Amino acid sequence: MAFDAEGFDRAVALPPELKVAHIREAIEHVEDRATVRMKPGKLIAVWRVDIPFLREEDWKYEGSKAAEGRGGRTHTFGVKNPAKRFRDSIVYQSPRVIISQGGPVLAS
């Protein structure tokens, strides 16, 4: 992965209408808005954006464990082999964040 100074890997294929500028705007929007809504005064940093191209065979059904008549039934879908499917789809990784002890941490 070759990230530029802004944190973008321009070698990752994007859908034709999606541009790096759109991703940058979305990141700025989330960081600005989420700071107010989640924990006032706390920094929210988008540290990674993945844009995978998934096919039907990549999805797996995860049935609900809730019983009928007791709060509804939620049906969800997950991705089979997420580490493999997302490995080559990292479009953005913040240069302000490093991975330390298995998790993202703001760089000093």
C-alpha atoms as a PDB file:
ATOM      1  CA  MET A   1       0.000   0.000   0.000  1.00  0.00           C
ATOM      2  CA  ALA A   2       1.361   3.371  -1.014  1.00  0.00           C
ATOM      3  CA  PHE A   3      -0.361   6.189   0.824  1.00  0.00           C
ATOM      4  CA  ASP A   4       0.339   9.776  -0.193  1.00  0.00           C
ATOM      5  CA  ALA A   5       0.971  12.612   2.311  1.00  0.00           C
ATOM      6  CA  GLU A   6      -2.800  13.064   2.772  1.00  0.00           C
ATOM      7  CA  GLY A   7      -3.274   9.366   3.520  1.00  0.00           C
ATOM      8  CA  PHE A   8      -4.822   8.249   0.204  1.00  0.00           C
ATOM      9  CA  ASP A   9      -3.777   5.176  -1.769  1.00  0.00           C
ATOM     10  CA  ARG A  10      -4.502   6.325  -5.297  1.00  0.00           C
ATOM     11  CA  ALA A  11      -3.773   2.855  -6.698  1.00  0.00           C
ATOM     12  CA  VAL A  12      -7.053   1.516  -5.244  1.00  0.00           C
ATOM     13  CA  ALA A  13      -9.729   1.463  -7.945  1.00  0.00           C
ATOM     14  CA  LEU A  14     -12.745   3.651  -7.182  1.00  0.00           C
ATOM     15  CA  PRO A  15     -16.170   3.568  -8.824  1.00  0.00           C
ATOM     16  CA  PRO A  16     -16.194   5.913 -11.863  1.00  0.00           C
ATOM     17  CA  GLU A  17     -18.172   8.722 -10.203  1.00  0.00           C
ATOM     18  CA  LEU A  18     -16.357   8.598  -6.835  1.00  0.00           C
ATOM     19  CA  LYS A  19     -13.369  10.894  -6.492  1.00  0.00           C
ATOM     20  CA  VAL A  20     -10.789  11.322  -3.726  1.00  0.00           C
ATOM     21  CA  ALA A  21     -12.231  14.812  -3.126  1.00  0.00           C
ATOM     22  CA  HIS A  22     -15.607  13.220  -2.273  1.00  0.00           C
ATOM     23  CA  ILE A  23     -13.991  10.905   0.269  1.00  0.00           C
ATOM     24  CA  ARG A  24     -12.027  13.810   1.761  1.00  0.00           C
ATOM     25  CA  GLU A  25     -15.235  15.869   2.140  1.00  0.00           C
ATOM     26  CA  ALA A  26     -17.039  12.938   3.783  1.00  0.00           C
ATOM     27  CA  ILE A  27     -14.207  12.433   6.265  1.00  0.00           C
ATOM     28  CA  GLU A  28     -14.179  16.134   7.176  1.00  0.00           C
ATOM     29  CA  HIS A  29     -17.960  16.118   7.580  1.00  0.00           C
ATOM     30  CA  VAL A  30     -17.932  13.075   9.876  1.00  0.00           C
ATOM     31  CA  GLU A  31     -15.058  14.394  11.982  1.00  0.00           C
ATOM     32  CA  ASP A  32     -16.745  17.810  12.400  1.00  0.00           C
ATOM     33  CA  ARG A  33     -20.268  16.513  13.134  1.00  0.00           C
ATOM     34  CA  ALA A  34     -19.445  13.397  15.153  1.00  0.00           C
ATOM     35  CA  THR A  35     -17.335  15.379  17.629  1.00  0.00           C
ATOM     36  CA  VAL A  36     -20.426  17.320  18.688  1.00  0.00           C
ATOM     37  CA  ARG A  37     -22.831  14.384  18.765  1.00  0.00           C
ATOM     38  CA  MET A  38     -20.754  11.600  20.279  1.00  0.00           C
ATOM     39  CA  LYS A  39     -18.761  13.248  23.063  1.00  0.00           C
ATOM     40  CA  PRO A  40     -18.672  17.040  23.175  1.00  0.00           C
ATOM     41  CA  GLY A  41     -15.094  18.262  23.444  1.00  0.00           C
ATOM     42  CA  LYS A  42     -13.576  14.918  22.409  1.00  0.00           C
ATOM     43  CA  LEU A  43     -11.745  14.468  19.123  1.00  0.00           C
ATOM     44  CA  ILE A  44     -13.256  12.062  16.596  1.00  0.00           C
ATOM     45  CA  ALA A  45     -10.844  10.943  13.891  1.00  0.00           C
ATOM     46  CA  VAL A  46     -11.680   8.914  10.814  1.00  0.00           C
ATOM     47  CA  TRP A  47      -8.592   6.774  10.657  1.00  0.00           C
ATOM     48  CA  ARG A  48      -9.388   4.446   7.763  1.00  0.00           C
ATOM     49  CA  VAL A  49     -11.783   4.196   4.813  1.00  0.00           C
ATOM     50  CA  ASP A  50     -12.251   0.913   2.910  1.00  0.00           C
ATOM     51  CA  ILE A  51     -14.143   0.681  -0.369  1.00  0.00           C
ATOM     52  CA  PRO A  52     -14.413  -3.006  -1.278  1.00  0.00           C
ATOM     53  CA  PHE A  53     -16.160  -4.375  -4.325  1.00  0.00           C
ATOM     54  CA  LEU A  54     -18.258  -7.206  -2.928  1.00  0.00           C
ATOM     55  CA  ARG A  55     -20.098  -9.898  -4.838  1.00  0.00           C
ATOM     56  CA  GLU A  56     -23.103 -11.949  -3.776  1.00  0.00           C
ATOM     57  CA  GLU A  57     -20.873 -14.875  -2.814  1.00  0.00           C
ATOM     58  CA  ASP A  58     -18.962 -12.622  -0.359  1.00  0.00           C
ATOM     59  CA  TRP A  59     -22.028 -12.198   1.897  1.00  0.00           C
ATOM     60  CA  LYS A  60     -23.152 -14.545   4.641  1.00  0.00           C
ATOM     61  CA  TYR A  61     -26.533 -14.583   6.351  1.00  0.00           C
ATOM     62  CA  GLU A  62     -26.491 -14.215  10.119  1.00  0.00           C
ATOM     63  CA  GLY A  63     -29.909 -15.230  11.415  1.00  0.00           C
ATOM     64  CA  SER A  64     -31.550 -13.627  14.394  1.00  0.00           C
ATOM     65  CA  LYS A  65     -31.450 -15.282  17.792  1.00  0.00           C
ATOM     66  CA  ALA A  66     -34.524 -13.318  18.943  1.00  0.00           C
ATOM     67  CA  ALA A  67     -37.710 -15.310  19.357  1.00  0.00           C
ATOM     68  CA  GLU A  68     -40.778 -14.228  17.429  1.00  0.00           C
ATOM     69  CA  GLY A  69     -43.100 -12.049  19.455  1.00  0.00           C
ATOM     70  CA  ARG A  70     -40.376 -10.881  21.841  1.00  0.00           C
ATOM     71  CA  GLY A  71     -38.979  -7.652  20.480  1.00  0.00           C
ATOM     72  CA  GLY A  72     -38.801  -8.371  16.800  1.00  0.00           C
ATOM     73  CA  ARG A  73     -36.435 -10.277  14.585  1.00  0.00           C
ATOM     74  CA  THR A  74     -33.403  -8.671  13.029  1.00  0.00           C
ATOM     75  CA  HIS A  75     -31.755 -10.328  10.073  1.00  0.00           C
ATOM     76  CA  THR A  76     -28.215  -9.260   9.329  1.00  0.00           C
ATOM     77  CA  PHE A  77     -25.573 -10.061   6.783  1.00  0.00           C
ATOM     78  CA  GLY A  78     -21.836 -10.214   7.275  1.00  0.00           C
ATOM     79  CA  VAL A  79     -18.871 -10.548   4.964  1.00  0.00           C
ATOM     80  CA  LYS A  80     -17.156 -13.915   4.599  1.00  0.00           C
ATOM     81  CA  ASN A  81     -13.416 -13.634   5.151  1.00  0.00           C
ATOM     82  CA  PRO A  82     -13.424  -9.882   5.893  1.00  0.00           C
ATOM     83  CA  ALA A  83      -9.644  -9.606   6.387  1.00  0.00           C
ATOM     84  CA  LYS A  84      -9.039 -11.016   2.912  1.00  0.00           C
ATOM     85  CA  ARG A  85     -11.845  -9.048   1.215  1.00  0.00           C
ATOM     86  CA  PHE A  86     -10.890  -5.687   2.752  1.00  0.00           C
ATOM     87  CA  ARG A  87      -7.089  -6.055   2.556  1.00  0.00           C
ATOM     88  CA  ASP A  88      -6.747  -4.441  -0.881  1.00  0.00           C
ATOM     89  CA  SER A  89      -9.587  -1.929  -0.526  1.00  0.00           C
ATOM     90  CA  ILE A  90      -8.060   0.584   1.899  1.00  0.00           C
ATOM     91  CA  VAL A  91      -8.504   3.910   0.119  1.00  0.00           C
ATOM     92  CA  TYR A  92      -7.571   6.179   3.024  1.00  0.00           C
ATOM     93  CA  GLN A  93      -5.540   5.756   6.185  1.00  0.00           C
ATOM     94  CA  SER A  94      -4.993   8.872   8.258  1.00  0.00           C
ATOM     95  CA  PRO A  95      -1.378   9.976   8.556  1.00  0.00           C
ATOM     96  CA  ARG A  96      -2.354  11.309  12.020  1.00  0.00           C
ATOM     97  CA  VAL A  97      -3.073   7.795  13.306  1.00  0.00           C
ATOM     98  CA  ILE A  98      -0.729   4.887  13.992  1.00  0.00           C
ATOM     99  CA  ILE A  99      -1.545   1.316  14.946  1.00  0.00           C
ATOM    100  CA  SER A 100      -0.268   0.521  18.417  1.00  0.00           C
ATOM    101  CA  GLN A 101      -0.970  -2.665  20.382  1.00  0.00           C
ATOM    102  CA  GLY A 102      -3.512  -3.742  17.753  1.00  0.00           C
ATOM    103  CA  GLY A 103      -5.563  -0.526  17.687  1.00  0.00           C
ATOM    104  CA  PRO A 104      -5.576   2.992  16.230  1.00  0.00           C
ATOM    105  CA  VAL A 105      -3.910   5.755  18.273  1.00  0.00           C
ATOM    106  CA  LEU A 106      -3.397   9.446  17.422  1.00  0.00           C
ATOM    107  CA  ALA A 107       0.261  10.045  16.575  1.00  0.00           C
ATOM    108  CA  SER A 108       2.049  12.560  18.775  1.00  0.00           C
END
